[in-house]
Amino acid sequence: MIKEKEIVVPGETLATGMEYLPSVGTYRKNDAILANKLGIAVVDGKVIKIIPVSGAYHPKRNDTIIAKVIDISMSGWRVDTNCAYSAMLSMKDATSDFIRKGEDLTKYFDIGEYMVCQITQVTSQNLVDVTLRGPGLKKLGKGRIIEVSPHKVPRIIGKQGSMVSLIKDHTNTRITVGQNGIVWIQGEPAGEILAIKTIRMIEEQSHISGLTDKIKEYLEKNSLKVEGKKDEKQKSEDDQGEE
């Protein structure tokens, strides 16, 4: 049996016997489960799968992504999905408002603005459609945008959002992580910087066991500095007010 979160190469034996089941990135040969790609071995109950360590994002139906408006047409908006294929957001999928023919669409979304949207369709010709009609789907306001490996997104989010919640709590920021590897962060500058450093740390050390405890320790140590900077800023504003 391969060790949990160990980096494996194609053809490497992960487990023998019929006790375990192959999943993404693995296959069975006789009574053995082998890897068919380079990545990190993960055991989920009786299922073994491989999480790739690198690679581009491939759009999939129902993925929630962060996209950037790159063009506006008569029928809607074209958005960058952080992969080789852009997507189309139609007017009916963008808003419940009645939009008259020829109306200025920039008042809804302008070029360069970001949104949290969901992929509704990916055709065999790689034509992608997205929607904003759903819980949590919206236009994003001002904030920092960073790019991470799409394959590290599950580790950054954590089980049931535990890891990203940990970062939010200790940095006092709002964070949205798209499955396409785009992350939006909004807060005080010191908090945003700490959040980015923490996300980069998770990205680089995603294969390490006990990472959650390590990240928690790092945040507890460094969030004190963030609080200190916030206190100094508040004191300065109070002093100016007294003047």
Protein backbone atom coordinates (compact mmCIF):
# COMPACT_ATOMS: atom_id res chain seq x y z
CA MET A 1 0.00 0.00 0.00
CA ILE A 2 1.38 3.40 -1.03
CA LYS A 3 1.75 6.06 1.69
CA GLU A 4 -0.93 8.72 1.87
CA LYS A 5 -0.02 11.96 -0.01
CA GLU A 6 3.13 10.43 -1.48
CA ILE A 7 4.16 11.66 -4.94
CA VAL A 8 3.82 8.85 -7.49
CA VAL A 9 4.72 8.40 -11.16
CA PRO A 10 2.84 6.66 -14.01
CA GLY A 11 3.00 2.88 -13.74
CA GLU A 12 3.80 2.87 -10.02
CA THR A 13 1.91 0.30 -7.93
CA LEU A 14 -0.32 1.96 -5.35
CA ALA A 15 -1.92 -1.07 -3.74
CA THR A 16 -2.32 -4.82 -4.25
CA GLY A 17 -5.33 -7.03 -3.60
CA MET A 18 -9.02 -6.35 -4.10
CA GLU A 19 -9.55 -4.38 -0.90
CA TYR A 20 -9.17 -0.98 -2.58
CA LEU A 21 -10.89 0.55 -5.63
CA PRO A 22 -9.24 2.61 -8.41
CA SER A 23 -10.48 6.15 -9.10
CA VAL A 24 -9.26 9.28 -10.92
CA GLY A 25 -5.70 8.92 -12.20
CA THR A 26 -5.45 5.20 -11.43
CA TYR A 27 -6.32 1.86 -13.04
CA ARG A 28 -6.42 -1.81 -12.08
CA LYS A 29 -4.10 -4.41 -13.60
CA ASN A 30 -4.76 -7.95 -12.36
CA ASP A 31 -4.90 -7.56 -8.57
CA ALA A 32 -2.91 -4.29 -8.43
CA ILE A 33 -3.90 -0.61 -8.65
CA LEU A 34 -1.43 1.51 -10.61
CA ALA A 35 -0.99 5.23 -11.26
CA ASN A 36 -1.49 6.54 -14.78
CA LYS A 37 -0.28 10.10 -14.13
CA LEU A 38 2.22 12.05 -12.04
CA GLY A 39 0.61 13.31 -8.87
CA ILE A 40 -0.16 12.88 -5.18
CA ALA A 41 -1.77 9.64 -4.02
CA VAL A 42 -4.88 10.14 -1.90
CA VAL A 43 -6.80 7.39 -0.10
CA ASP A 44 -10.46 8.22 0.55
CA GLY A 45 -11.92 5.29 2.45
CA LYS A 46 -11.40 2.33 0.14
CA VAL A 47 -10.87 4.51 -2.96
CA ILE A 48 -7.44 5.50 -4.28
CA LYS A 49 -7.05 8.51 -6.55
CA ILE A 50 -4.30 10.74 -7.90
CA ILE A 51 -4.33 14.54 -7.59
CA PRO A 52 -2.15 16.01 -10.38
CA VAL A 53 0.67 18.26 -9.18
CA SER A 54 0.46 20.55 -12.20
CA GLY A 55 -1.44 21.19 -15.39
CA ALA A 56 -3.91 23.62 -16.94
CA TYR A 57 -7.55 24.02 -15.98
CA HIS A 58 -10.08 22.09 -18.07
CA PRO A 59 -13.63 23.49 -17.85
CA LYS A 60 -16.32 21.10 -16.57
CA ARG A 61 -20.06 21.49 -16.24
CA ASN A 62 -21.17 22.77 -12.79
CA ASP A 63 -17.69 24.11 -11.91
CA THR A 64 -17.82 27.42 -10.03
CA ILE A 65 -15.12 29.69 -11.40
CA ILE A 66 -13.90 33.28 -11.26
CA ALA A 67 -13.96 34.81 -14.73
CA LYS A 68 -12.90 38.15 -16.20
CA VAL A 69 -14.92 40.06 -18.80
CA ILE A 70 -12.85 40.40 -21.97
CA ASP A 71 -15.47 41.40 -24.59
CA ILE A 72 -19.05 42.63 -24.91
CA SER A 73 -21.34 41.72 -27.78
CA MET A 74 -24.98 42.39 -28.66
CA SER A 75 -26.08 39.21 -26.87
CA GLY A 76 -23.90 39.22 -23.78
CA TRP A 77 -20.37 39.07 -22.40
CA ARG A 78 -17.35 36.93 -23.25
CA VAL A 79 -15.25 35.99 -20.23
CA ASP A 80 -11.77 34.58 -19.67
CA THR A 81 -11.93 31.27 -17.79
CA ASN A 82 -8.17 30.92 -17.15
CA CYS A 83 -7.83 28.21 -19.78
CA ALA A 84 -7.56 27.88 -23.55
CA TYR A 85 -11.32 28.36 -23.96
CA SER A 86 -13.27 31.51 -23.15
CA ALA A 87 -16.94 31.36 -22.15
CA MET A 88 -20.14 33.20 -23.04
CA LEU A 89 -22.47 34.81 -20.50
CA SER A 90 -25.82 35.56 -22.13
CA MET A 91 -28.09 38.38 -20.96
CA LYS A 92 -30.72 35.94 -19.67
CA ASP A 93 -28.08 34.16 -17.57
CA ALA A 94 -26.58 37.41 -16.28
CA THR A 95 -29.57 39.16 -14.76
CA SER A 96 -33.30 38.93 -14.19
CA ASP A 97 -33.68 42.51 -15.47
CA PHE A 98 -35.39 43.11 -18.80
CA ILE A 99 -32.66 44.41 -21.11
CA ARG A 100 -33.84 46.36 -24.15
CA LYS A 101 -32.22 45.75 -27.51
CA GLY A 102 -29.19 47.99 -27.98
CA GLU A 103 -28.95 48.87 -24.27
CA ASP A 104 -25.52 49.68 -22.85
CA LEU A 105 -24.39 46.40 -21.26
CA THR A 106 -21.39 47.97 -19.50
CA LYS A 107 -23.68 49.14 -16.69
CA TYR A 108 -24.04 45.47 -15.74
CA PHE A 109 -20.50 44.22 -16.46
CA ASP A 110 -17.65 46.16 -18.00
CA ILE A 111 -14.46 44.87 -19.59
CA GLY A 112 -11.89 43.97 -16.93
CA GLU A 113 -14.44 43.23 -14.19
CA TYR A 114 -14.51 39.87 -12.42
CA MET A 115 -17.41 37.61 -11.52
CA VAL A 116 -18.12 34.35 -9.72
CA CYS A 117 -20.06 32.22 -12.21
CA GLN A 118 -20.97 28.61 -12.87
CA ILE A 119 -20.31 26.60 -16.02
CA THR A 120 -23.60 25.33 -17.46
CA GLN A 121 -22.34 23.71 -20.64
CA VAL A 122 -19.15 22.54 -22.34
CA THR A 123 -19.73 21.27 -25.89
CA SER A 124 -17.63 18.77 -27.83
CA GLN A 125 -16.18 21.78 -29.68
CA ASN A 126 -15.18 23.29 -26.30
CA LEU A 127 -17.77 26.07 -26.46
CA VAL A 128 -18.40 27.09 -22.85
CA ASP A 129 -21.47 28.78 -21.36
CA VAL A 130 -21.68 30.27 -17.86
CA THR A 131 -24.43 31.66 -15.66
CA LEU A 132 -24.83 34.04 -12.72
CA ARG A 133 -28.24 32.66 -11.79
CA GLY A 134 -27.54 30.77 -8.59
CA PRO A 135 -26.52 31.10 -4.90
CA GLY A 136 -23.24 32.91 -4.38
CA LEU A 137 -22.84 33.81 -8.06
CA LYS A 138 -22.20 37.54 -8.48
CA LYS A 139 -20.00 40.35 -9.72
CA LEU A 140 -16.91 40.85 -7.58
CA GLY A 141 -15.90 44.22 -6.22
CA LYS A 142 -12.45 45.64 -5.65
CA GLY A 143 -9.89 43.20 -4.32
CA ARG A 144 -6.70 41.35 -5.13
CA ILE A 145 -6.71 38.65 -7.78
CA ILE A 146 -4.10 35.88 -7.69
CA GLU A 147 -3.67 32.71 -9.72
CA VAL A 148 -2.93 29.28 -8.20
CA SER A 149 -2.63 25.80 -9.64
CA PRO A 150 -6.19 24.54 -10.30
CA HIS A 151 -5.11 21.16 -8.94
CA LYS A 152 -4.27 22.74 -5.56
CA VAL A 153 -7.71 24.37 -5.17
CA PRO A 154 -9.22 21.50 -3.09
CA ARG A 155 -6.29 21.76 -0.65
CA ILE A 156 -6.66 25.55 -0.39
CA ILE A 157 -10.40 25.24 0.28
CA GLY A 158 -10.04 22.26 2.64
CA LYS A 159 -12.66 19.78 3.76
CA GLN A 160 -16.03 21.56 3.91
CA GLY A 161 -14.18 24.87 3.49
CA SER A 162 -12.12 24.43 6.66
CA MET A 163 -8.79 25.70 5.31
CA VAL A 164 -10.09 28.82 3.57
CA SER A 165 -12.24 29.62 6.64
CA LEU A 166 -9.10 29.43 8.78
CA ILE A 167 -7.38 31.95 6.51
CA LYS A 168 -10.39 34.29 6.49
CA ASP A 169 -10.69 34.26 10.28
CA HIS A 170 -7.01 35.05 10.92
CA THR A 171 -6.61 37.67 8.18
CA ASN A 172 -10.03 39.32 8.47
CA THR A 173 -10.50 39.06 4.71
CA ARG A 174 -13.17 37.91 2.30
CA ILE A 175 -11.89 35.16 -0.02
CA THR A 176 -13.46 33.42 -3.01
CA VAL A 177 -11.61 30.51 -4.65
CA GLY A 178 -12.59 29.53 -8.18
CA GLN A 179 -12.14 25.96 -9.36
CA ASN A 180 -10.22 27.40 -12.31
CA GLY A 181 -7.39 28.55 -10.02
CA ILE A 182 -8.36 32.22 -9.71
CA VAL A 183 -8.63 33.59 -6.15
CA TRP A 184 -10.22 36.90 -5.08
CA ILE A 185 -9.17 38.45 -1.77
CA GLN A 186 -10.58 41.60 -0.16
CA GLY A 187 -9.62 43.20 3.15
CA GLU A 188 -7.07 45.51 4.77
CA PRO A 189 -3.70 45.50 2.92
CA ALA A 190 -1.87 43.68 5.75
CA GLY A 191 -4.58 41.01 5.90
CA GLU A 192 -4.59 40.57 2.13
CA ILE A 193 -0.81 40.12 2.07
CA LEU A 194 -0.91 37.53 4.86
CA ALA A 195 -3.73 35.68 3.08
CA ILE A 196 -1.70 35.56 -0.15
CA LYS A 197 1.41 34.32 1.67
CA THR A 198 -0.64 31.62 3.38
CA ILE A 199 -2.25 30.48 0.12
CA ARG A 200 1.18 30.28 -1.54
CA MET A 201 2.42 28.24 1.41
CA ILE A 202 -0.47 25.78 1.01
CA GLU A 203 0.15 25.58 -2.73
CA GLU A 204 3.83 24.77 -2.25
CA GLN A 205 3.36 22.29 0.61
CA SER A 206 0.03 20.69 -0.37
CA HIS A 207 1.57 17.19 -0.30
CA ILE A 208 2.74 17.47 3.32
CA SER A 209 0.75 15.65 6.02
CA GLY A 210 -0.30 17.75 9.00
CA LEU A 211 -0.47 20.85 6.81
CA THR A 212 -3.59 22.23 8.50
CA ASP A 213 -1.85 22.39 11.90
CA LYS A 214 1.19 24.01 10.29
CA ILE A 215 -0.96 26.64 8.59
CA LYS A 216 -2.88 27.32 11.81
CA GLU A 217 0.37 27.85 13.71
CA TYR A 218 1.68 30.16 10.96
CA LEU A 219 -1.51 32.23 10.96
CA GLU A 220 -1.69 32.50 14.74
CA LYS A 221 1.88 33.76 14.81
CA ASN A 222 1.51 36.24 11.98
CA SER A 223 -2.05 37.46 12.54
CA LEU A 224 -0.76 39.24 15.67
CA LYS A 225 1.39 41.40 13.39
CA VAL A 226 -1.65 42.15 11.23
CA GLU A 227 -3.65 43.16 14.32
CA GLY A 228 -0.74 45.35 15.40
CA LYS A 229 -0.73 47.17 12.06
CA LYS A 230 -4.50 47.64 12.25
CA ASP A 231 -4.18 49.07 15.77
CA GLU A 232 -1.45 51.48 14.65
CA LYS A 233 -3.61 52.64 11.73
CA GLN A 234 -6.61 53.16 14.02
CA LYS A 235 -4.49 55.12 16.54
CA SER A 236 -3.15 57.32 13.73
CA GLU A 237 -6.69 58.00 12.48
CA ASP A 238 -7.82 58.80 16.04
CA ASP A 239 -4.89 61.21 16.53
CA GLN A 240 -5.75 62.98 13.26
CA GLY A 241 -9.36 63.24 14.39
CA GLU A 242 -8.30 64.88 17.66
CA GLU A 243 -6.19 67.40 15.76
